[in-house]
């Protein structure tokens, strides 16, 4: 919901719409319905898992992605 709040109240007119990540421990249609913008017609799921990784696994994955990004974009 913070992404929608930011887009509606803080985002500058020349900025692109924000993107967000929705992590859920269980299915809750109400949370999904009110977390996503009404105008969004292209909702994509990059992964669907029956369980969420623990904190250690998540940190490891984020660090690996950052390392890959830096290797592919040395000027950033």
PDB file of N, CA and C in Angstrom:
ATOM      1  N   UNK A   1       0.810  -1.198   0.000  1.00  0.00           N
ATOM      2  CA  UNK A   1       0.000   0.000   0.000  1.00  0.00           C
ATOM      3  C   UNK A   1       0.854   1.263   0.000  1.00  0.00           C
ATOM      4  N   UNK A   2       2.078   1.169   0.538  1.00  0.00           N
ATOM      5  CA  UNK A   2       2.947   2.339   0.585  1.00  0.00           C
ATOM      6  C   UNK A   2       3.300   2.828  -0.813  1.00  0.00           C
ATOM      7  N   UNK A   3       3.389   1.921  -1.786  1.00  0.00           N
ATOM      8  CA  UNK A   3       3.722   2.322  -3.151  1.00  0.00           C
ATOM      9  C   UNK A   3       2.612   3.197  -3.718  1.00  0.00           C
ATOM     10  N   UNK A   4       1.372   2.778  -3.538  1.00  0.00           N
ATOM     11  CA  UNK A   4       0.244   3.573  -4.018  1.00  0.00           C
ATOM     12  C   UNK A   4       0.177   4.915  -3.300  1.00  0.00           C
ATOM     13  N   UNK A   5       0.422   4.909  -2.009  1.00  0.00           N
ATOM     14  CA  UNK A   5       0.429   6.159  -1.245  1.00  0.00           C
ATOM     15  C   UNK A   5       1.479   7.117  -1.816  1.00  0.00           C
ATOM     16  N   UNK A   6       2.684   6.595  -2.026  1.00  0.00           N
ATOM     17  CA  UNK A   6       3.768   7.423  -2.562  1.00  0.00           C
ATOM     18  C   UNK A   6       3.393   7.989  -3.930  1.00  0.00           C
ATOM     19  N   UNK A   7       2.885   7.137  -4.814  1.00  0.00           N
ATOM     20  CA  UNK A   7       2.523   7.596  -6.155  1.00  0.00           C
ATOM     21  C   UNK A   7       1.448   8.682  -6.106  1.00  0.00           C
ATOM     22  N   UNK A   8       0.532   8.578  -5.203  1.00  0.00           N
ATOM     23  CA  UNK A   8      -0.576   9.536  -5.132  1.00  0.00           C
ATOM     24  C   UNK A   8      -0.214  10.836  -4.427  1.00  0.00           C
ATOM     25  N   UNK A   9       0.751  10.778  -3.499  1.00  0.00           N
ATOM     26  CA  UNK A   9       1.002  11.965  -2.683  1.00  0.00           C
ATOM     27  C   UNK A   9       2.405  12.554  -2.808  1.00  0.00           C
ATOM     28  N   UNK A  10       3.399  11.772  -3.209  1.00  0.00           N
ATOM     29  CA  UNK A  10       4.782  12.242  -3.191  1.00  0.00           C
ATOM     30  C   UNK A  10       5.448  12.296  -4.568  1.00  0.00           C
ATOM     31  N   UNK A  11       5.054  11.418  -5.451  1.00  0.00           N
ATOM     32  CA  UNK A  11       5.705  11.286  -6.754  1.00  0.00           C
ATOM     33  C   UNK A  11       5.536  12.563  -7.566  1.00  0.00           C
ATOM     34  N   UNK A  12       6.607  12.967  -8.227  1.00  0.00           N
ATOM     35  CA  UNK A  12       6.567  14.156  -9.087  1.00  0.00           C
ATOM     36  C   UNK A  12       5.916  13.807 -10.417  1.00  0.00           C
ATOM     37  N   UNK A  13       5.284  14.773 -11.074  1.00  0.00           N
ATOM     38  CA  UNK A  13       4.562  14.496 -12.320  1.00  0.00           C
ATOM     39  C   UNK A  13       5.420  13.886 -13.424  1.00  0.00           C
ATOM     40  N   UNK A  14       6.718  14.203 -13.465  1.00  0.00           N
ATOM     41  CA  UNK A  14       7.569  13.677 -14.534  1.00  0.00           C
ATOM     42  C   UNK A  14       8.177  12.314 -14.201  1.00  0.00           C
ATOM     43  N   UNK A  15       7.895  11.772 -13.037  1.00  0.00           N
ATOM     44  CA  UNK A  15       8.426  10.460 -12.651  1.00  0.00           C
ATOM     45  C   UNK A  15       7.505   9.341 -13.132  1.00  0.00           C
ATOM     46  N   UNK A  16       8.109   8.207 -13.432  1.00  0.00           N
ATOM     47  CA  UNK A  16       7.333   7.023 -13.815  1.00  0.00           C
ATOM     48  C   UNK A  16       6.621   6.445 -12.600  1.00  0.00           C
ATOM     49  N   UNK A  17       5.559   5.673 -12.822  1.00  0.00           N
ATOM     50  CA  UNK A  17       4.889   5.018 -11.694  1.00  0.00           C
ATOM     51  C   UNK A  17       5.859   4.102 -10.941  1.00  0.00           C
ATOM     52  N   UNK A  18       5.690   4.025  -9.652  1.00  0.00           N
ATOM     53  CA  UNK A  18       6.536   3.152  -8.828  1.00  0.00           C
ATOM     54  C   UNK A  18       6.152   1.702  -9.043  1.00  0.00           C
ATOM     55  N   UNK A  19       7.091   0.836  -8.720  1.00  0.00           N
ATOM     56  CA  UNK A  19       6.790  -0.591  -8.713  1.00  0.00           C
ATOM     57  C   UNK A  19       6.967  -1.087  -7.287  1.00  0.00           C
ATOM     58  N   UNK A  20       6.370  -2.172  -6.963  1.00  0.00           N
ATOM     59  CA  UNK A  20       6.480  -2.707  -5.614  1.00  0.00           C
ATOM     60  C   UNK A  20       6.512  -4.223  -5.637  1.00  0.00           C
ATOM     61  N   UNK A  21       6.853  -4.769  -4.514  1.00  0.00           N
ATOM     62  CA  UNK A  21       6.900  -6.218  -4.344  1.00  0.00           C
ATOM     63  C   UNK A  21       5.924  -6.572  -3.240  1.00  0.00           C
ATOM     64  N   UNK A  22       5.088  -7.529  -3.505  1.00  0.00           N
ATOM     65  CA  UNK A  22       4.102  -7.968  -2.528  1.00  0.00           C
ATOM     66  C   UNK A  22       4.492  -9.365  -2.063  1.00  0.00           C
ATOM     67  N   UNK A  23       4.921  -9.473  -0.810  1.00  0.00           N
ATOM     68  CA  UNK A  23       5.272 -10.759  -0.208  1.00  0.00           C
ATOM     69  C   UNK A  23       4.173 -11.133   0.775  1.00  0.00           C
ATOM     70  N   UNK A  24       3.627 -12.299   0.618  1.00  0.00           N
ATOM     71  CA  UNK A  24       2.529 -12.736   1.486  1.00  0.00           C
ATOM     72  C   UNK A  24       2.859 -14.096   2.074  1.00  0.00           C
ATOM     73  N   UNK A  25       2.538 -14.270   3.318  1.00  0.00           N
ATOM     74  CA  UNK A  25       2.731 -15.574   3.932  1.00  0.00           C
ATOM     75  C   UNK A  25       1.549 -16.494   3.683  1.00  0.00           C
ATOM     76  N   UNK A  26       0.403 -15.912   3.374  1.00  0.00           N
ATOM     77  CA  UNK A  26      -0.764 -16.713   3.009  1.00  0.00           C
ATOM     78  C   UNK A  26      -1.632 -15.902   2.064  1.00  0.00           C
ATOM     79  N   UNK A  27      -2.544 -16.559   1.404  1.00  0.00           N
ATOM     80  CA  UNK A  27      -3.399 -15.884   0.432  1.00  0.00           C
ATOM     81  C   UNK A  27      -4.448 -15.056   1.169  1.00  0.00           C
ATOM     82  N   UNK A  28      -4.521 -13.783   0.778  1.00  0.00           N
ATOM     83  CA  UNK A  28      -5.506 -12.892   1.371  1.00  0.00           C
ATOM     84  C   UNK A  28      -5.970 -11.948   0.271  1.00  0.00           C
ATOM     85  N   UNK A  29      -7.100 -12.263  -0.340  1.00  0.00           N
ATOM     86  CA  UNK A  29      -7.586 -11.489  -1.477  1.00  0.00           C
ATOM     87  C   UNK A  29      -7.804 -10.021  -1.143  1.00  0.00           C
ATOM     88  N   UNK A  30      -8.253  -9.715   0.063  1.00  0.00           N
ATOM     89  CA  UNK A  30      -8.491  -8.327   0.443  1.00  0.00           C
ATOM     90  C   UNK A  30      -7.186  -7.536   0.467  1.00  0.00           C
ATOM     91  N   UNK A  31      -6.137  -8.108   1.011  1.00  0.00           N
ATOM     92  CA  UNK A  31      -4.840  -7.423   1.050  1.00  0.00           C
ATOM     93  C   UNK A  31      -4.340  -7.173  -0.368  1.00  0.00           C
ATOM     94  N   UNK A  32      -4.430  -8.175  -1.216  1.00  0.00           N
ATOM     95  CA  UNK A  32      -3.987  -8.012  -2.601  1.00  0.00           C
ATOM     96  C   UNK A  32      -4.826  -6.954  -3.304  1.00  0.00           C
ATOM     97  N   UNK A  33      -6.124  -7.012  -3.162  1.00  0.00           N
ATOM     98  CA  UNK A  33      -7.029  -6.074  -3.840  1.00  0.00           C
ATOM     99  C   UNK A  33      -6.709  -4.631  -3.476  1.00  0.00           C
ATOM    100  N   UNK A  34      -6.451  -4.356  -2.196  1.00  0.00           N
ATOM    101  CA  UNK A  34      -6.215  -2.984  -1.776  1.00  0.00           C
ATOM    102  C   UNK A  34      -4.744  -2.573  -1.823  1.00  0.00           C
ATOM    103  N   UNK A  35      -3.859  -3.506  -2.055  1.00  0.00           N
ATOM    104  CA  UNK A  35      -2.439  -3.179  -2.173  1.00  0.00           C
ATOM    105  C   UNK A  35      -2.071  -2.790  -3.595  1.00  0.00           C
ATOM    106  N   UNK A  36      -2.823  -3.275  -4.563  1.00  0.00           N
ATOM    107  CA  UNK A  36      -2.521  -2.992  -5.965  1.00  0.00           C
ATOM    108  C   UNK A  36      -3.369  -1.832  -6.463  1.00  0.00           C
ATOM    109  N   UNK A  37      -2.813  -1.035  -7.369  1.00  0.00           N
ATOM    110  CA  UNK A  37      -3.594   0.079  -7.902  1.00  0.00           C
ATOM    111  C   UNK A  37      -4.740  -0.421  -8.776  1.00  0.00           C
ATOM    112  N   UNK A  38      -5.847   0.294  -8.758  1.00  0.00           N
ATOM    113  CA  UNK A  38      -7.011  -0.098  -9.551  1.00  0.00           C
ATOM    114  C   UNK A  38      -6.716  -0.079 -11.044  1.00  0.00           C
ATOM    115  N   UNK A  39      -5.886   0.842 -11.471  1.00  0.00           N
ATOM    116  CA  UNK A  39      -5.614   0.999 -12.897  1.00  0.00           C
ATOM    117  C   UNK A  39      -4.602  -0.003 -13.444  1.00  0.00           C
ATOM    118  N   UNK A  40      -3.992  -0.806 -12.588  1.00  0.00           N
ATOM    119  CA  UNK A  40      -2.969  -1.741 -13.043  1.00  0.00           C
ATOM    120  C   UNK A  40      -3.607  -2.935 -13.726  1.00  0.00           C
ATOM    121  N   UNK A  41      -3.377  -3.049 -15.024  1.00  0.00           N
ATOM    122  CA  UNK A  41      -3.933  -4.169 -15.791  1.00  0.00           C
ATOM    123  C   UNK A  41      -2.884  -5.228 -16.084  1.00  0.00           C
ATOM    124  N   UNK A  42      -1.647  -4.977 -15.700  1.00  0.00           N
ATOM    125  CA  UNK A  42      -0.563  -5.918 -15.982  1.00  0.00           C
ATOM    126  C   UNK A  42       0.130  -6.310 -14.683  1.00  0.00           C
ATOM    127  N   UNK A  43      -0.456  -7.201 -13.960  1.00  0.00           N
ATOM    128  CA  UNK A  43       0.128  -7.699 -12.725  1.00  0.00           C
ATOM    129  C   UNK A  43       0.889  -8.970 -13.072  1.00  0.00           C
ATOM    130  N   UNK A  44       2.158  -9.002 -12.695  1.00  0.00           N
ATOM    131  CA  UNK A  44       2.991 -10.150 -13.036  1.00  0.00           C
ATOM    132  C   UNK A  44       3.554 -10.782 -11.775  1.00  0.00           C
ATOM    133  N   UNK A  45       3.660 -12.070 -11.794  1.00  0.00           N
ATOM    134  CA  UNK A  45       4.286 -12.798 -10.695  1.00  0.00           C
ATOM    135  C   UNK A  45       5.565 -13.409 -11.226  1.00  0.00           C
ATOM    136  N   UNK A  46       6.682 -13.034 -10.616  1.00  0.00           N
ATOM    137  CA  UNK A  46       7.934 -13.599 -11.085  1.00  0.00           C
ATOM    138  C   UNK A  46       8.170 -14.960 -10.441  1.00  0.00           C
ATOM    139  N   UNK A  47       7.615 -15.154  -9.279  1.00  0.00           N
ATOM    140  CA  UNK A  47       7.766 -16.434  -8.590  1.00  0.00           C
ATOM    141  C   UNK A  47       6.561 -16.667  -7.702  1.00  0.00           C
ATOM    142  N   UNK A  48       6.215 -17.893  -7.608  1.00  0.00           N
ATOM    143  CA  UNK A  48       5.164 -18.285  -6.674  1.00  0.00           C
ATOM    144  C   UNK A  48       5.714 -19.450  -5.875  1.00  0.00           C
ATOM    145  N   UNK A  49       5.744 -19.295  -4.589  1.00  0.00           N
ATOM    146  CA  UNK A  49       6.251 -20.350  -3.717  1.00  0.00           C
ATOM    147  C   UNK A  49       5.224 -20.636  -2.646  1.00  0.00           C
ATOM    148  N   UNK A  50       5.203 -21.867  -2.235  1.00  0.00           N
ATOM    149  CA  UNK A  50       4.287 -22.244  -1.164  1.00  0.00           C
ATOM    150  C   UNK A  50       4.810 -21.825   0.202  1.00  0.00           C
ATOM    151  N   UNK A  51       6.069 -21.386   0.244  1.00  0.00           N
ATOM    152  CA  UNK A  51       6.643 -20.897   1.492  1.00  0.00           C
ATOM    153  C   UNK A  51       7.580 -19.737   1.176  1.00  0.00           C
ATOM    154  N   UNK A  52       7.769 -18.852   2.134  1.00  0.00           N
ATOM    155  CA  UNK A  52       8.702 -17.748   1.975  1.00  0.00           C
ATOM    156  C   UNK A  52      10.052 -18.157   2.542  1.00  0.00           C
ATOM    157  N   UNK A  53      11.137 -17.651   1.956  1.00  0.00           N
ATOM    158  CA  UNK A  53      12.457 -17.968   2.509  1.00  0.00           C
ATOM    159  C   UNK A  53      12.619 -17.316   3.884  1.00  0.00           C
ATOM    160  N   UNK A  54      13.480 -17.918   4.689  1.00  0.00           N
ATOM    161  CA  UNK A  54      13.740 -17.284   5.977  1.00  0.00           C
ATOM    162  C   UNK A  54      14.649 -16.072   5.765  1.00  0.00           C
ATOM    163  N   UNK A  55      14.884 -15.317   6.803  1.00  0.00           N
ATOM    164  CA  UNK A  55      15.642 -14.071   6.677  1.00  0.00           C
ATOM    165  C   UNK A  55      17.042 -14.308   6.112  1.00  0.00           C
ATOM    166  N   UNK A  56      17.712 -15.344   6.575  1.00  0.00           N
ATOM    167  CA  UNK A  56      19.069 -15.642   6.115  1.00  0.00           C
ATOM    168  C   UNK A  56      19.073 -15.959   4.613  1.00  0.00           C
ATOM    169  N   UNK A  57      18.123 -16.751   4.164  1.00  0.00           N
ATOM    170  CA  UNK A  57      18.034 -17.100   2.741  1.00  0.00           C
ATOM    171  C   UNK A  57      17.726 -15.864   1.897  1.00  0.00           C
ATOM    172  N   UNK A  58      16.851 -15.008   2.386  1.00  0.00           N
ATOM    173  CA  UNK A  58      16.473 -13.810   1.658  1.00  0.00           C
ATOM    174  C   UNK A  58      17.659 -12.852   1.531  1.00  0.00           C
ATOM    175  N   UNK A  59      18.404 -12.649   2.604  1.00  0.00           N
ATOM    176  CA  UNK A  59      19.589 -11.786   2.572  1.00  0.00           C
ATOM    177  C   UNK A  59      20.612 -12.339   1.587  1.00  0.00           C
ATOM    178  N   UNK A  60      20.814 -13.644   1.603  1.00  0.00           N
ATOM    179  CA  UNK A  60      21.763 -14.282   0.678  1.00  0.00           C
ATOM    180  C   UNK A  60      21.350 -14.044  -0.776  1.00  0.00           C
ATOM    181  N   UNK A  61      20.089 -14.194  -1.083  1.00  0.00           N
ATOM    182  CA  UNK A  61      19.586 -13.994  -2.444  1.00  0.00           C
ATOM    183  C   UNK A  61      19.718 -12.534  -2.878  1.00  0.00           C
ATOM    184  N   UNK A  62      19.398 -11.611  -1.989  1.00  0.00           N
ATOM    185  CA  UNK A  62      19.519 -10.186  -2.320  1.00  0.00           C
ATOM    186  C   UNK A  62      20.976  -9.822  -2.577  1.00  0.00           C
ATOM    187  N   UNK A  63      21.883 -10.324  -1.767  1.00  0.00           N
ATOM    188  CA  UNK A  63      23.311 -10.038  -1.977  1.00  0.00           C
ATOM    189  C   UNK A  63      23.791 -10.607  -3.307  1.00  0.00           C
ATOM    190  N   UNK A  64      23.335 -11.794  -3.663  1.00  0.00           N
ATOM    191  CA  UNK A  64      23.716 -12.398  -4.950  1.00  0.00           C
ATOM    192  C   UNK A  64      23.191 -11.558  -6.111  1.00  0.00           C
ATOM    193  N   UNK A  65      21.965 -11.068  -6.004  1.00  0.00           N
ATOM    194  CA  UNK A  65      21.397 -10.227  -7.068  1.00  0.00           C
ATOM    195  C   UNK A  65      22.164  -8.911  -7.189  1.00  0.00           C
ATOM    196  N   UNK A  66      22.517  -8.302  -6.053  1.00  0.00           N
ATOM    197  CA  UNK A  66      23.294  -7.067  -6.082  1.00  0.00           C
ATOM    198  C   UNK A  66      24.660  -7.283  -6.727  1.00  0.00           C
ATOM    199  N   UNK A  67      25.292  -8.394  -6.410  1.00  0.00           N
ATOM    200  CA  UNK A  67      26.594  -8.717  -7.004  1.00  0.00           C
ATOM    201  C   UNK A  67      26.466  -8.872  -8.514  1.00  0.00           C
ATOM    202  N   UNK A  68      25.432  -9.593  -8.983  1.00  0.00           N
ATOM    203  CA  UNK A  68      25.202  -9.757 -10.419  1.00  0.00           C
ATOM    204  C   UNK A  68      24.944  -8.410 -11.088  1.00  0.00           C
ATOM    205  N   UNK A  69      24.143  -7.582 -10.442  1.00  0.00           N
ATOM    206  CA  UNK A  69      23.838  -6.267 -10.992  1.00  0.00           C
ATOM    207  C   UNK A  69      25.108  -5.435 -11.150  1.00  0.00           C
ATOM    208  N   UNK A  70      25.936  -5.410 -10.117  1.00  0.00           N
ATOM    209  CA  UNK A  70      27.170  -4.618 -10.160  1.00  0.00           C
ATOM    210  C   UNK A  70      28.129  -5.134 -11.229  1.00  0.00           C
ATOM    211  N   UNK A  71      28.174  -6.456 -11.414  1.00  0.00           N
ATOM    212  CA  UNK A  71      29.035  -7.030 -12.452  1.00  0.00           C
ATOM    213  C   UNK A  71      28.538  -6.664 -13.848  1.00  0.00           C
ATOM    214  N   UNK A  72      27.233  -6.610 -14.019  1.00  0.00           N
ATOM    215  CA  UNK A  72      26.642  -6.284 -15.324  1.00  0.00           C
ATOM    216  C   UNK A  72      26.603  -4.787 -15.577  1.00  0.00           C
ATOM    217  N   UNK A  73      26.695  -3.981 -14.531  1.00  0.00           N
ATOM    218  CA  UNK A  73      26.616  -2.515 -14.635  1.00  0.00           C
ATOM    219  C   UNK A  73      27.759  -1.872 -13.864  1.00  0.00           C
ATOM    220  N   UNK A  74      28.987  -2.009 -14.333  1.00  0.00           N
ATOM    221  CA  UNK A  74      30.134  -1.516 -13.557  1.00  0.00           C
ATOM    222  C   UNK A  74      30.150  -0.007 -13.342  1.00  0.00           C
ATOM    223  N   UNK A  75      29.416   0.748 -14.162  1.00  0.00           N
ATOM    224  CA  UNK A  75      29.400   2.203 -14.014  1.00  0.00           C
ATOM    225  C   UNK A  75      28.429   2.682 -12.947  1.00  0.00           C
ATOM    226  N   UNK A  76      27.651   1.800 -12.372  1.00  0.00           N
ATOM    227  CA  UNK A  76      26.639   2.216 -11.391  1.00  0.00           C
ATOM    228  C   UNK A  76      27.120   1.992  -9.993  1.00  0.00           C
TER     229      UNK A  76
END
